[in-house]
Amino acid sequence: MPVIRRKNSIVIPCYKEPDVIRTVRSLFECERGDFPVEIILVVNSYQIDSDEVIEINRKSYNEVSGFASANNTGNFFLTLIWIENLPGHQTGAGIPRKLGMDEAIRHFQGDKTGIIVSLDADCIVEKNYLTEIYRNFNEYNLNSATIAFHHPVDHLDEKDPLRQATIQYEMYLHYYRSALEFCGYPYPYFTVGSAFAVTAETYLKAGGMGKQQSGEDFYFLQKVFPLGKTKFIDTTCVYPAARTSDRVPFGTGPALQKMLNENTTIKMTYQFEAFKSLKILFDNLDSFFKQPAETVESFIKNLPDYIFHFLREDGFIEKVSEINRHTATPHSFRKRFFDYFNAFKIVKYLNFVHPEYLPFSAVDTEYFIYRHNAQMQKARLL
């Protein structure tokens, strides 16, 4: 396979980030390979924003602009974009992230092999961040990738509630991804806005980033994962800041804010039992292929009450019958099934189950239950 000399574009939305120069310096201090890199920093504000926000943005813009003038080279450079008066009530990163990624596509000038990397303005990265992303896309011919991340807390006192909440929330993220993997969902990847990358071709096939003002990473990546090869890059790391936020409804910042507002550092989440039931369903998908509705109904009636009630209300039997009518092989059946029973459906199922049928429980207990089960299974195979 010929070596592709891909251009890399690192897209960073920047809203009210007085320390964004720290992120920029971190990227400029990375190891550099024989490939061009452009950092696109989208300094943005909304119609509802105060003069204070505009002033912080302006100072950040001027500081980074001066740094870029002194440090840009022909093969490694930063481009600044200033956007004011964005519409919307929530000042999330969705629209500016989309604008930055769309700009990266234009800068590729039709080259679909380029890599668009999503980063946030409160992050620093490992020295090998750029070279490892580039190497993985070339070596494994990737369409997309998610990247290891870790919220540093060593600077916080051990008894600081923010430190404790951050550790719990990051554990939750790993637990949820591991639980998706355990139950057999084919795309068990993190959906963190500061830690993913896609090729230009994949970005275009997915229809680009959506206009959601929050959760844009989740919505976008659910469209991306089925389009081709995805890999979790764990040979480098992104370090987002451990901090609270009330700008958007969900994500790390709001989750930490909610935990602290409720005076708890224990993250409550979905019981592992709910994923175990989902695993039974997914493990038996092949037995649904080209089977009559009565066979499917007979099977799901033997599942725990909560998942049976969810499937019945969701029209599961009718949907499986429809999928059977439009597929000719077990492989195509599975693919179309998971187009239907996707990550959104799993969240809907989990929210249906909790807390009416199963109570939420502490993430540490649930996570280690899974890890214990996985380790025991591995031991049995040795």
Foldseek 3Di string as FASTA:
>chain_A
DDFDQAEEEEEEEDWLQLPLVQAVVLVLLADDDPHAYEYEYEQEEAQPDDPVRVVSSVNSVVVVVVVQVVDPDPRYGYDYHYYYHHDDDFQACQQSSQVRVVVVLVVCVPPQQHKYAFAYSQKHKDNHVVVLVSCCCRVVVAQKEFEAEDADDPVDDPPPLLSLLRVQVVLLQVLQLLLCVVLPQPDSDGQARRTMMGTNNLCVVLVHFDRDRPPSSVVSVLSRVVPTDYYYRYPIYMHGYREADDRDCDDRRPSSVVCVVVVHSFDWDFASVLSVLSSVVLVCLLVLAPDALVVVLVVLVPGPPLVSVLCVVVVVSVVLVVLNVVDDDSVSSSVVVCVVCDPVVSVVSRVSCPPVPPDTDTSVVRSVVSVVVVVVVVVVVD
